[in-house]
Amino acid sequence: MIYGLDICSLVSVFENVLKAMSTNYYMSNQVPYTLLLVLPNTRQILLIEDENGLVLPSVKIDRCARPAERLTLLIRQQWAVDALCIEVIVEDNAPMKYAIFEVRTSLSAETCTSLHALEIDSICEDAVPPCVIDALRSLLSGQSLGSGRFSRFGWFREVNDWLLSLISEPNVNISKYDQLNAGGNFALIRLETSGGQAYWLKAVGSPNTREFPITRLLVSSFPSYLPKILGMRDDWNAWIMEEYGKSLHTSVGIEAFERAARKLSSLQHDAVESRELLLNSALRDHRLDILDRHIDAIIAYLDQAMLCQTSLKVDPLSTERLQLIQRFLHNACEEMDTLGIPDSLMHGDISPGSILDDGKNCVFTDWCEAAVGNPFITFELFCVHVLARTNTPRLWRNRLSMVYRTVWCDYLSKTQTDSALHLAQPLAVLSYLYGTGDWLSEVRRFDPEFQSYSRSLGRQLDAMTREEKFGRLL
């Protein structure tokens, strides 16, 4: 068992729950896609030749892969074509998905030997569903699919013009791009210029639109803690930022994570004086009194979720155990409150992927789940992710805690930080489970996958109530 919340991070638990709930997961972890590679200017589509004649290309990718990222890479590798994913269309209960792409490179002699350009109207109606044909016709007429800013042909040209208007590099253009996310009002794409500089475009849509004003506020108030933002567009909920180092996803040594812990505590320390400004913005309210006020509703929900459990692998928690967890959480909130920890900025989705490091310094991204509350909760969530990566979690936790607490010396005593680090463990689960809070009254509360996820968090809390170090909270 890892010293801390549990043997695996909250994220990995969530991923395992989703996999277990998927009826097709154990039969196949591959998802089939039919690719519609469109040449908008000539109103043609690219096909390949097989034993049945000319057909639309199709591929399979891992279920957990980002479709836009993986599909564009496969297209580039197999047919030497740069294409931009415009939209993925899924028919109800149909296994096949249809991905529409805007081809952005001229066809070379090598490409033309394997791909054949035909008029779109020549596609056999049996090849794709009518809804896909309708989508293609809408796109070719200059429309967007639905209200999606990035579900239309030609949007990349606007990005190119926007970027070039923001940078000081003369006589450059976008020479390479890597698309990670696509469709609707979302975009995440890496842009590299012919001068060798790299930038990122990120755009967010519902339900993540709040990340746009949060990012604007944070980059204005705490610019040294975020990547440099070159420009923001309100009509797109988008911003372009300079590339900064690499994410900590691939880091194996503790040094980079120590830098992140130090930078996180410095950011939160600096943000203490701005907590009223943060509370009056788009950040969520995760202050202790708010979390404490929702404990009873959360426990009632967990009690209901336990009754819906169908798996026999582990017993559901009884009402009596949940009532014990309820008292445990109330007492944890009360004891943390007596410590006088100042509320500050919380990163509710902190992970190695949201931390960018250049070997000397680091910055933080992905602020959609930002909140105001006890800063030690964010540090605990950070530790949960990091400790799952090492065989010596106790040593790593001690080193990371030592770095994190140092910045708080002018606010807090060692006794206060010791207690805060301890109490943050159950409160991090409570904060993570509470999330936006709106699920308590939404249809989502009845979703089987979400119920399963909630039960797993409930069991983590139950395990803590059985640990000697938390005995005084019962």
Protein backbone atom coordinates (compact mmCIF):
# COMPACT_ATOMS: atom_id res chain seq x y z
CA MET A 1 0.00 0.00 0.00
CA ILE A 2 1.34 3.41 -0.92
CA TYR A 3 1.80 5.81 1.97
CA GLY A 4 -1.01 8.27 1.34
CA LEU A 5 -4.38 7.97 -0.26
CA ASP A 6 -4.12 4.57 -1.88
CA ILE A 7 -2.06 2.26 -4.00
CA CYS A 8 -2.90 4.12 -7.18
CA SER A 9 -3.80 7.65 -8.04
CA LEU A 10 -7.36 8.88 -8.25
CA VAL A 11 -6.96 9.21 -11.99
CA SER A 12 -5.79 5.65 -12.50
CA VAL A 13 -8.66 4.41 -10.34
CA PHE A 14 -11.07 6.36 -12.52
CA GLU A 15 -9.53 4.95 -15.69
CA ASN A 16 -9.77 1.38 -14.36
CA VAL A 17 -13.40 1.94 -13.41
CA LEU A 18 -14.23 3.16 -16.90
CA LYS A 19 -12.50 0.16 -18.43
CA ALA A 20 -14.28 -2.28 -16.17
CA MET A 21 -17.65 -0.72 -16.96
CA SER A 22 -17.14 -0.92 -20.71
CA THR A 23 -18.92 -3.99 -22.06
CA ASN A 24 -16.61 -4.19 -25.06
CA TYR A 25 -13.33 -3.52 -23.33
CA TYR A 26 -12.32 -7.10 -22.66
CA MET A 27 -13.45 -8.22 -26.10
CA SER A 28 -11.54 -5.52 -27.96
CA ASN A 29 -9.49 -2.54 -26.95
CA GLN A 30 -9.42 -1.28 -30.56
CA VAL A 31 -11.89 1.18 -32.06
CA PRO A 32 -12.49 1.15 -35.87
CA TYR A 33 -12.54 4.42 -37.81
CA THR A 34 -13.47 5.12 -41.41
CA LEU A 35 -11.41 8.05 -42.70
CA LEU A 36 -12.86 10.69 -44.97
CA LEU A 37 -9.88 12.62 -46.34
CA VAL A 38 -11.37 15.66 -48.06
CA LEU A 39 -9.82 18.10 -50.55
CA PRO A 40 -12.19 21.05 -49.99
CA ASN A 41 -10.94 23.19 -52.88
CA THR A 42 -11.62 20.50 -55.47
CA ARG A 43 -14.53 18.86 -53.60
CA GLN A 44 -12.79 15.52 -53.80
CA ILE A 45 -12.15 12.71 -51.37
CA LEU A 46 -9.21 10.30 -51.17
CA LEU A 47 -9.74 6.56 -51.45
CA ILE A 48 -7.46 3.52 -51.41
CA GLU A 49 -7.55 0.45 -53.60
CA ASP A 50 -8.06 -3.05 -52.27
CA GLU A 51 -9.46 -6.32 -53.63
CA ASN A 52 -12.94 -4.76 -53.70
CA GLY A 53 -11.84 -1.76 -55.72
CA LEU A 54 -11.64 1.83 -54.46
CA VAL A 55 -12.76 2.15 -50.84
CA LEU A 56 -12.54 4.63 -48.01
CA PRO A 57 -9.47 3.94 -45.83
CA SER A 58 -10.10 2.56 -42.38
CA VAL A 59 -7.90 2.02 -39.34
CA LYS A 60 -8.17 0.90 -35.73
CA ILE A 61 -6.73 2.76 -32.78
CA ASP A 62 -6.52 2.10 -29.05
CA ARG A 63 -9.66 2.98 -27.16
CA CYS A 64 -7.72 5.16 -24.72
CA ALA A 65 -5.84 7.12 -27.43
CA ARG A 66 -6.70 10.69 -28.39
CA PRO A 67 -8.47 10.15 -31.75
CA ALA A 68 -7.24 13.35 -33.44
CA GLU A 69 -3.65 12.82 -32.37
CA ARG A 70 -3.48 9.14 -33.26
CA LEU A 71 -5.41 9.32 -36.53
CA THR A 72 -3.47 12.27 -37.94
CA LEU A 73 -0.24 10.48 -37.10
CA LEU A 74 -1.38 7.27 -38.85
CA ILE A 75 -2.44 9.21 -41.94
CA ARG A 76 0.94 10.93 -42.06
CA GLN A 77 2.81 7.65 -41.63
CA GLN A 78 0.80 5.49 -44.03
CA TRP A 79 0.07 7.93 -46.86
CA ALA A 80 2.47 10.89 -46.34
CA VAL A 81 -0.49 13.24 -46.05
CA ASP A 82 -0.94 16.06 -43.54
CA ALA A 83 -4.58 16.24 -42.59
CA LEU A 84 -6.54 18.15 -39.98
CA CYS A 85 -9.28 16.36 -38.07
CA ILE A 86 -12.51 18.33 -38.42
CA GLU A 87 -15.05 16.09 -36.72
CA VAL A 88 -15.73 12.52 -35.59
CA ILE A 89 -19.25 11.27 -36.24
CA VAL A 90 -20.69 8.38 -34.26
CA GLU A 91 -24.00 6.71 -34.99
CA ASP A 92 -26.01 5.45 -32.05
CA ASN A 93 -24.90 1.96 -30.99
CA ALA A 94 -22.72 1.60 -34.10
CA PRO A 95 -19.17 0.29 -33.59
CA MET A 96 -17.69 2.18 -36.55
CA LYS A 97 -16.75 5.86 -36.17
CA TYR A 98 -16.35 8.24 -39.11
CA ALA A 99 -13.59 10.85 -38.96
CA ILE A 100 -13.65 13.77 -41.40
CA PHE A 101 -10.31 15.38 -42.28
CA GLU A 102 -9.25 18.43 -44.25
CA VAL A 103 -6.23 17.45 -46.35
CA ARG A 104 -3.66 20.24 -46.10
CA THR A 105 -0.82 19.06 -48.34
CA SER A 106 -0.54 18.72 -52.08
CA LEU A 107 -0.52 15.13 -53.20
CA SER A 108 2.96 13.95 -54.12
CA ALA A 109 3.82 11.38 -56.75
CA GLU A 110 4.46 8.89 -53.99
CA THR A 111 1.10 9.58 -52.39
CA CYS A 112 -0.80 9.36 -55.65
CA THR A 113 0.27 5.74 -56.12
CA SER A 114 -1.69 4.71 -53.04
CA LEU A 115 -4.48 7.31 -52.84
CA HIS A 116 -7.04 8.18 -55.49
CA ALA A 117 -8.96 11.45 -55.57
CA LEU A 118 -12.61 11.14 -56.62
CA GLU A 119 -15.59 13.45 -56.56
CA ILE A 120 -17.39 13.26 -53.25
CA ASP A 121 -20.67 12.58 -55.01
CA SER A 122 -19.13 9.34 -56.32
CA ILE A 123 -19.06 7.80 -52.84
CA CYS A 124 -21.40 4.86 -52.70
CA GLU A 125 -24.28 5.56 -50.32
CA ASP A 126 -23.66 2.16 -48.75
CA ALA A 127 -20.13 3.20 -47.78
CA VAL A 128 -21.14 5.70 -45.11
CA PRO A 129 -24.36 6.57 -43.29
CA PRO A 130 -26.55 9.39 -44.64
CA CYS A 131 -25.65 11.60 -41.67
CA VAL A 132 -22.00 11.52 -42.75
CA ILE A 133 -22.88 12.51 -46.33
CA ASP A 134 -25.03 15.34 -44.97
CA ALA A 135 -22.13 16.50 -42.79
CA LEU A 136 -19.75 16.54 -45.77
CA ARG A 137 -22.17 18.58 -47.85
CA SER A 138 -22.61 21.08 -45.04
CA LEU A 139 -18.85 21.45 -44.61
CA LEU A 140 -18.28 21.92 -48.35
CA SER A 141 -20.91 24.63 -48.44
CA GLY A 142 -18.87 26.58 -45.87
CA GLN A 143 -20.95 25.74 -42.83
CA SER A 144 -19.88 24.47 -39.43
CA LEU A 145 -21.22 21.23 -38.00
CA GLY A 146 -23.56 22.33 -35.25
CA SER A 147 -22.14 25.45 -33.64
CA GLY A 148 -18.57 24.19 -33.55
CA ARG A 149 -15.93 26.80 -34.34
CA PHE A 150 -13.46 24.09 -35.33
CA SER A 151 -15.88 21.74 -37.05
CA ARG A 152 -15.45 23.52 -40.39
CA PHE A 153 -13.00 23.63 -43.24
CA GLY A 154 -10.58 26.55 -43.32
CA TRP A 155 -10.24 27.36 -39.64
CA PHE A 156 -6.56 26.45 -39.64
CA ARG A 157 -5.80 29.29 -42.07
CA GLU A 158 -7.24 31.71 -39.53
CA VAL A 159 -5.02 30.22 -36.82
CA ASN A 160 -2.01 30.64 -39.10
CA ASP A 161 -2.84 34.31 -39.68
CA TRP A 162 -3.48 34.91 -35.99
CA LEU A 163 -0.19 33.35 -34.92
CA LEU A 164 1.83 35.28 -37.50
CA SER A 165 0.24 38.51 -36.26
CA LEU A 166 1.43 37.77 -32.73
CA ILE A 167 5.04 36.79 -33.27
CA SER A 168 8.02 38.91 -34.23
CA GLU A 169 9.64 36.32 -36.49
CA PRO A 170 9.91 37.85 -39.99
CA ASN A 171 9.23 35.84 -43.13
CA VAL A 172 8.05 32.69 -41.35
CA ASN A 173 5.07 30.42 -41.64
CA ILE A 174 3.73 27.33 -39.90
CA SER A 175 5.88 24.50 -41.17
CA LYS A 176 4.55 21.71 -38.97
CA TYR A 177 1.64 21.03 -36.68
CA ASP A 178 0.57 18.25 -34.35
CA GLN A 179 -3.11 18.04 -33.53
CA LEU A 180 -4.00 16.54 -30.16
CA ASN A 181 -7.66 17.47 -29.81
CA ALA A 182 -10.36 18.36 -32.31
CA GLY A 183 -14.04 18.87 -32.92
CA GLY A 184 -16.75 21.31 -31.89
CA ASN A 185 -15.37 24.22 -29.89
CA PHE A 186 -12.27 22.41 -28.66
CA ALA A 187 -8.79 22.54 -30.11
CA LEU A 188 -5.33 21.64 -28.88
CA ILE A 189 -2.59 21.84 -31.45
CA ARG A 190 1.17 22.34 -31.48
CA LEU A 191 2.38 24.79 -34.11
CA GLU A 192 6.00 24.97 -35.27
CA THR A 193 7.24 27.76 -37.50
CA SER A 194 9.83 27.60 -40.25
CA GLY A 195 12.09 29.54 -37.85
CA GLY A 196 12.08 26.59 -35.43
CA GLN A 197 9.95 28.18 -32.71
CA ALA A 198 6.98 26.23 -31.29
CA TYR A 199 3.65 27.46 -29.96
CA TRP A 200 0.42 25.91 -28.72
CA LEU A 201 -3.15 26.80 -29.56
CA LYS A 202 -5.76 25.80 -27.01
CA ALA A 203 -9.49 26.47 -27.28
CA VAL A 204 -12.20 25.29 -24.90
CA GLY A 205 -15.93 24.74 -25.24
CA SER A 206 -18.76 23.74 -22.93
CA PRO A 207 -18.55 22.50 -20.21
CA ASN A 208 -14.94 23.74 -19.94
CA THR A 209 -15.42 27.34 -21.05
CA ARG A 210 -14.46 28.57 -17.56
CA GLU A 211 -10.85 27.66 -18.29
CA PHE A 212 -10.62 30.67 -20.61
CA PRO A 213 -11.38 33.43 -18.05
CA ILE A 214 -9.42 31.56 -15.37
CA THR A 215 -6.37 31.39 -17.60
CA ARG A 216 -6.71 35.08 -18.45
CA LEU A 217 -6.93 36.00 -14.75
CA LEU A 218 -4.00 33.83 -13.69
CA VAL A 219 -1.70 34.91 -16.49
CA SER A 220 -2.51 38.51 -15.59
CA SER A 221 -2.01 38.06 -11.84
CA PHE A 222 0.72 35.39 -11.74
CA PRO A 223 2.45 35.39 -15.14
CA SER A 224 5.64 33.63 -14.00
CA TYR A 225 3.68 30.50 -13.07
CA LEU A 226 2.05 29.90 -16.46
CA PRO A 227 3.42 29.56 -20.01
CA LYS A 228 3.77 32.91 -21.79
CA ILE A 229 0.46 33.76 -23.46
CA LEU A 230 0.89 35.64 -26.74
CA GLY A 231 -2.77 36.35 -27.41
CA MET A 232 -6.34 35.43 -26.47
CA ARG A 233 -9.53 35.41 -28.56
CA ASP A 234 -12.83 35.81 -26.75
CA ASP A 235 -14.87 34.67 -29.74
CA TRP A 236 -12.99 31.36 -29.80
CA ASN A 237 -12.34 30.96 -26.07
CA ALA A 238 -8.80 30.35 -27.31
CA TRP A 239 -5.26 31.41 -26.59
CA ILE A 240 -1.83 30.91 -28.16
CA MET A 241 1.12 30.32 -25.85
CA GLU A 242 4.82 29.78 -26.26
CA GLU A 243 6.00 26.21 -25.84
CA TYR A 244 7.66 25.65 -22.47
CA GLY A 245 9.86 22.62 -21.80
CA LYS A 246 8.16 19.25 -21.53
CA SER A 247 5.48 17.82 -19.31
CA LEU A 248 6.51 15.72 -16.32
CA HIS A 249 4.78 12.66 -17.81
CA THR A 250 8.14 11.20 -18.81
CA SER A 251 10.11 12.30 -15.73
CA VAL A 252 11.46 9.48 -13.59
CA GLY A 253 13.70 11.23 -11.05
CA ILE A 254 12.38 13.12 -8.05
CA GLU A 255 14.26 16.35 -8.80
CA ALA A 256 11.73 17.62 -11.35
CA PHE A 257 8.87 16.88 -8.99
CA GLU A 258 10.66 18.71 -6.18
CA ARG A 259 10.88 21.75 -8.46
CA ALA A 260 7.16 21.43 -9.11
CA ALA A 261 6.35 21.16 -5.39
CA ARG A 262 8.43 24.26 -4.66
CA LYS A 263 6.85 26.22 -7.51
CA LEU A 264 3.35 25.11 -6.51
CA SER A 265 3.82 26.28 -2.93
CA SER A 266 5.30 29.59 -4.14
CA LEU A 267 2.29 30.18 -6.40
CA GLN A 268 -0.17 29.40 -3.62
CA HIS A 269 1.81 31.53 -1.16
CA ASP A 270 1.68 34.47 -3.59
CA ALA A 271 -2.03 33.93 -4.24
CA VAL A 272 -3.09 34.17 -0.59
CA GLU A 273 -3.50 37.94 -0.81
CA SER A 274 -5.58 37.54 -4.00
CA ARG A 275 -8.06 35.01 -2.68
CA GLU A 276 -10.97 37.50 -2.74
CA LEU A 277 -10.20 38.32 -6.36
CA LEU A 278 -10.08 34.60 -7.16
CA LEU A 279 -13.35 33.91 -5.34
CA ASN A 280 -15.09 36.63 -7.33
CA SER A 281 -13.98 35.08 -10.62
CA ALA A 282 -14.77 31.77 -12.32
CA LEU A 283 -12.90 29.62 -9.78
CA ARG A 284 -14.86 27.08 -7.79
CA ASP A 285 -15.34 27.46 -4.06
CA HIS A 286 -13.75 24.56 -2.18
CA ARG A 287 -13.25 26.29 1.14
CA LEU A 288 -13.61 24.04 4.16
CA ASP A 289 -17.04 25.31 5.16
CA ILE A 290 -18.35 24.57 1.66
CA LEU A 291 -16.91 21.05 1.64
CA ASP A 292 -18.17 20.42 5.18
CA ARG A 293 -21.65 21.65 4.26
CA HIS A 294 -21.92 19.01 1.48
CA ILE A 295 -20.59 15.98 3.37
CA ASP A 296 -24.04 14.74 4.40
CA ALA A 297 -25.36 14.92 0.82
CA ILE A 298 -22.26 13.13 -0.48
CA ILE A 299 -22.61 10.34 2.08
CA ALA A 300 -26.32 9.98 1.24
CA TYR A 301 -25.35 9.66 -2.42
CA LEU A 302 -22.70 7.05 -1.62
CA ASP A 303 -25.26 5.08 0.38
CA GLN A 304 -27.53 5.07 -2.67
CA ALA A 305 -24.64 4.18 -4.98
CA MET A 306 -23.69 1.20 -2.80
CA LEU A 307 -27.23 -0.17 -3.17
CA CYS A 308 -26.77 -0.07 -6.96
CA GLN A 309 -23.57 -2.14 -6.91
CA THR A 310 -23.78 -5.32 -8.99
CA SER A 311 -20.18 -6.52 -8.75
CA LEU A 312 -19.45 -9.33 -6.31
CA LYS A 313 -15.69 -8.71 -6.21
CA VAL A 314 -15.94 -6.51 -3.15
CA ASP A 315 -18.73 -5.93 -0.65
CA PRO A 316 -20.54 -2.60 -0.77
CA LEU A 317 -19.98 -0.34 2.20
CA SER A 318 -22.76 -0.57 4.77
CA THR A 319 -24.77 2.40 5.96
CA GLU A 320 -22.98 2.10 9.29
CA ARG A 321 -19.54 2.35 7.66
CA LEU A 322 -20.67 5.35 5.63
CA GLN A 323 -21.94 7.06 8.76
CA LEU A 324 -18.50 6.50 10.27
CA ILE A 325 -16.91 8.09 7.18
CA GLN A 326 -19.38 10.97 7.53
CA ARG A 327 -18.22 11.69 11.08
CA PHE A 328 -14.59 11.19 10.01
CA LEU A 329 -14.86 13.84 7.29
CA HIS A 330 -16.70 16.37 9.45
CA ASN A 331 -14.01 16.02 12.11
CA ALA A 332 -11.24 16.35 9.52
CA CYS A 333 -12.78 19.61 8.25
CA GLU A 334 -13.14 20.94 11.78
CA GLU A 335 -9.58 20.07 12.77
CA MET A 336 -8.12 21.52 9.57
CA ASP A 337 -10.09 24.71 10.15
CA THR A 338 -8.56 25.17 13.62
CA LEU A 339 -5.08 25.24 12.07
CA GLY A 340 -5.73 28.63 10.50
CA ILE A 341 -4.36 27.69 7.07
CA PRO A 342 -5.10 30.62 4.72
CA ASP A 343 -7.27 29.83 1.72
CA SER A 344 -5.51 30.14 -1.62
CA LEU A 345 -5.42 28.90 -5.19
CA MET A 346 -6.13 25.21 -5.79
CA HIS A 347 -5.35 23.27 -8.97
CA GLY A 348 -8.11 20.69 -9.05
CA ASP A 349 -6.68 18.70 -11.94
CA ILE A 350 -2.98 18.71 -11.13
CA SER A 351 -0.97 15.88 -12.65
CA PRO A 352 2.42 15.40 -14.35
CA GLY A 353 0.71 16.31 -17.62
CA SER A 354 -0.32 19.75 -16.36
CA ILE A 355 3.20 20.65 -15.21
CA LEU A 356 5.76 21.80 -17.80
CA ASP A 357 9.45 21.70 -16.88
CA ASP A 358 12.53 23.02 -18.70
CA GLY A 359 15.11 21.46 -16.39
CA LYS A 360 15.49 24.60 -14.28
CA ASN A 361 11.98 25.86 -13.69
CA CYS A 362 8.38 24.82 -14.27
CA VAL A 363 4.95 26.29 -15.01
CA PHE A 364 1.38 25.03 -14.66
CA THR A 365 -1.38 24.56 -17.26
CA ASP A 366 -4.91 23.12 -17.53
CA TRP A 367 -6.73 25.33 -15.02
CA CYS A 368 -10.31 24.30 -15.79
CA GLU A 369 -10.78 22.75 -12.33
CA ALA A 370 -9.18 25.63 -10.42
CA ALA A 371 -10.71 26.50 -7.07
CA VAL A 372 -10.16 28.47 -3.90
CA GLY A 373 -9.62 26.50 -0.72
CA ASN A 374 -7.03 24.85 1.45
CA PRO A 375 -3.76 24.81 -0.55
CA PHE A 376 -2.50 21.61 1.10
CA ILE A 377 -5.29 19.68 -0.64
CA THR A 378 -3.73 20.44 -4.03
CA PHE A 379 -0.35 19.31 -2.76
CA GLU A 380 -1.88 16.02 -1.64
CA LEU A 381 -3.46 15.46 -5.06
CA PHE A 382 -0.06 16.19 -6.58
CA CYS A 383 1.53 13.58 -4.28
CA VAL A 384 -1.08 10.98 -5.19
CA HIS A 385 -0.04 11.20 -8.84
CA VAL A 386 3.68 11.34 -8.15
CA LEU A 387 3.88 8.57 -5.55
CA ALA A 388 2.25 6.12 -7.97
CA ARG A 389 5.42 6.45 -10.09
CA THR A 390 7.98 5.27 -7.54
CA ASN A 391 8.91 2.16 -5.58
CA THR A 392 9.93 4.30 -2.59
CA PRO A 393 6.77 6.36 -1.96
CA ARG A 394 7.54 7.11 1.70
CA LEU A 395 10.93 8.60 0.83
CA TRP A 396 9.47 10.63 -2.03
CA ARG A 397 6.62 11.93 0.11
CA ASN A 398 9.03 13.06 2.81
CA ARG A 399 11.23 14.89 0.32
CA LEU A 400 8.34 16.53 -1.49
CA SER A 401 6.70 17.56 1.79
CA MET A 402 9.94 19.10 3.01
CA VAL A 403 10.19 21.22 -0.13
CA TYR A 404 6.52 22.22 -0.13
CA ARG A 405 6.32 23.25 3.51
CA THR A 406 9.43 25.45 3.39
CA VAL A 407 7.65 28.25 1.54
CA TRP A 408 4.95 28.41 4.22
CA CYS A 409 7.37 29.08 7.09
CA ASP A 410 6.38 32.75 7.38
CA TYR A 411 2.71 31.78 7.74
CA LEU A 412 2.74 28.47 9.55
CA SER A 413 4.64 26.57 12.21
CA LYS A 414 6.01 23.07 11.72
CA THR A 415 3.19 21.75 13.90
CA GLN A 416 0.62 23.40 11.65
CA THR A 417 2.16 22.09 8.44
CA ASP A 418 2.54 18.58 9.90
CA SER A 419 -1.15 18.51 10.78
CA ALA A 420 -2.19 20.08 7.47
CA LEU A 421 -0.24 17.54 5.43
CA HIS A 422 -1.86 14.75 7.45
CA LEU A 423 -5.44 16.05 7.25
CA ALA A 424 -5.15 16.87 3.56
CA GLN A 425 -5.19 13.15 2.72
CA PRO A 426 -8.90 12.49 3.46
CA LEU A 427 -9.88 16.04 2.50
CA ALA A 428 -8.29 15.61 -0.93
CA VAL A 429 -10.64 12.68 -1.58
CA LEU A 430 -13.57 14.76 -0.32
CA SER A 431 -12.61 17.70 -2.56
CA TYR A 432 -12.11 15.43 -5.56
CA LEU A 433 -15.44 13.70 -4.97
CA TYR A 434 -17.28 16.99 -4.49
CA GLY A 435 -15.79 18.39 -7.71
CA THR A 436 -18.20 20.91 -9.17
CA GLY A 437 -20.88 20.00 -6.66
CA ASP A 438 -23.59 20.26 -9.30
CA TRP A 439 -23.63 16.51 -9.85
CA LEU A 440 -25.45 16.15 -6.53
CA SER A 441 -28.63 17.35 -8.20
CA GLU A 442 -28.03 16.26 -11.80
CA VAL A 443 -28.93 13.22 -13.86
CA ARG A 444 -25.24 12.30 -13.78
CA ARG A 445 -25.64 11.01 -10.24
CA PHE A 446 -27.54 8.03 -11.69
CA ASP A 447 -24.87 7.18 -14.26
CA PRO A 448 -23.51 3.66 -13.51
CA GLU A 449 -19.93 4.61 -14.36
CA PHE A 450 -20.02 7.64 -12.09
CA GLN A 451 -21.59 5.58 -9.32
CA SER A 452 -18.81 3.01 -9.65
CA TYR A 453 -16.18 5.75 -9.54
CA SER A 454 -17.80 7.26 -6.46
CA ARG A 455 -17.86 3.89 -4.71
CA SER A 456 -14.12 3.52 -5.30
CA LEU A 457 -13.49 6.87 -3.62
CA GLY A 458 -15.77 5.87 -0.77
CA ARG A 459 -13.67 2.76 -0.23
CA GLN A 460 -10.53 4.86 -0.11
CA LEU A 461 -12.07 6.90 2.68
CA ASP A 462 -13.17 3.72 4.44
CA ALA A 463 -9.60 2.42 4.31
CA MET A 464 -8.36 5.61 5.96
CA THR A 465 -10.81 5.24 8.85
CA ARG A 466 -9.13 1.92 9.61
CA GLU A 467 -5.64 3.44 9.82
CA GLU A 468 -4.27 4.12 13.27
CA LYS A 469 -2.90 7.54 12.32
CA PHE A 470 -6.45 8.82 11.69
CA GLY A 471 -7.94 7.32 14.86
CA ARG A 472 -8.50 10.64 16.61
CA LEU A 473 -10.88 11.75 13.84
CA LEU A 474 -13.41 8.99 14.61
